[in-house]
Amino acid sequence: MAKRGYTKKEANRRRTKFMVLAGMGDFIGTVAAFFVILACVVLLTTLFTWLKGDLPQVIESLKNPIISAFG
């Protein structure tokens, strides 16, 4: 049996359908990337806040052994 080709109207309709699907995929990818970037910013902010609060305690706990080693 011979393969039936597409008419111009069918080809345009098919192309339009795939363009809409590609656009939706791009949109979903952009939204997902936005949330990933937002999560990374939140994690970095939390890390720096924790480091800022913990750093004086770490320095204080290391100060006495260093002073006693050289003193």
Protein backbone atom coordinates (compact mmCIF):
# COMPACT_ATOMS: atom_id res chain seq x y z
CA MET A 1 0.00 0.00 0.00
CA ALA A 2 1.27 3.46 -0.85
CA LYS A 3 2.04 5.90 1.95
CA ARG A 4 -0.35 8.82 2.09
CA GLY A 5 1.29 12.26 2.33
CA TYR A 6 0.07 15.30 4.18
CA THR A 7 -1.80 18.15 2.58
CA LYS A 8 -0.57 21.69 3.25
CA LYS A 9 -3.42 22.28 5.67
CA GLU A 10 -2.63 19.08 7.60
CA ALA A 11 1.09 19.90 7.64
CA ASN A 12 0.42 23.43 8.93
CA ARG A 13 -1.93 22.12 11.61
CA ARG A 14 0.64 19.51 12.67
CA ARG A 15 3.44 22.11 12.72
CA THR A 16 1.30 24.49 14.78
CA LYS A 17 0.51 21.70 17.27
CA PHE A 18 4.20 20.92 17.73
CA MET A 19 5.06 24.62 18.05
CA VAL A 20 2.47 25.00 20.81
CA LEU A 21 3.85 21.91 22.59
CA ALA A 22 7.41 23.26 22.26
CA GLY A 23 6.29 26.61 23.66
CA MET A 24 4.59 24.93 26.62
CA GLY A 25 7.75 22.90 27.26
CA ASP A 26 9.83 26.09 27.22
CA PHE A 27 7.41 27.77 29.62
CA ILE A 28 7.43 24.85 32.06
CA GLY A 29 11.22 24.70 31.88
CA THR A 30 11.50 28.41 32.60
CA VAL A 31 9.16 28.19 35.60
CA ALA A 32 11.04 25.16 36.96
CA ALA A 33 14.39 26.93 36.51
CA PHE A 34 13.02 29.97 38.36
CA PHE A 35 12.08 27.83 41.35
CA VAL A 36 15.45 26.06 41.33
CA ILE A 37 17.25 29.42 41.32
CA LEU A 38 14.98 30.67 44.10
CA ALA A 39 15.73 27.58 46.19
CA CYS A 40 19.48 28.07 45.64
CA VAL A 41 19.26 31.71 46.76
CA VAL A 42 17.36 30.69 49.88
CA LEU A 43 19.93 27.98 50.66
CA LEU A 44 22.85 30.38 50.18
CA THR A 45 21.19 33.00 52.36
CA THR A 46 20.61 30.41 55.07
CA LEU A 47 24.22 29.22 54.81
CA PHE A 48 25.66 32.72 55.17
CA THR A 49 23.33 33.52 58.06
CA TRP A 50 24.39 30.32 59.84
CA LEU A 51 28.07 31.02 59.14
CA LYS A 52 27.78 34.58 60.44
CA GLY A 53 26.20 33.35 63.68
CA ASP A 54 28.55 30.38 64.13
CA LEU A 55 31.87 32.01 63.26
CA PRO A 56 32.42 33.87 66.57
CA GLN A 57 31.76 30.64 68.48
CA VAL A 58 34.27 28.71 66.35
CA ILE A 59 36.92 31.41 66.78
CA GLU A 60 36.33 31.50 70.54
CA SER A 61 36.67 27.72 70.84
CA LEU A 62 39.93 27.75 68.85
CA LYS A 63 41.42 30.72 70.68
CA ASN A 64 42.23 28.97 73.97
CA PRO A 65 44.15 25.98 72.47
CA ILE A 66 46.15 28.29 70.19
CA ILE A 67 47.01 30.67 73.04
CA SER A 68 48.04 27.80 75.32
CA ALA A 69 50.18 26.24 72.55
CA PHE A 70 52.21 29.43 72.02
CA GLY A 71 51.97 30.87 75.53
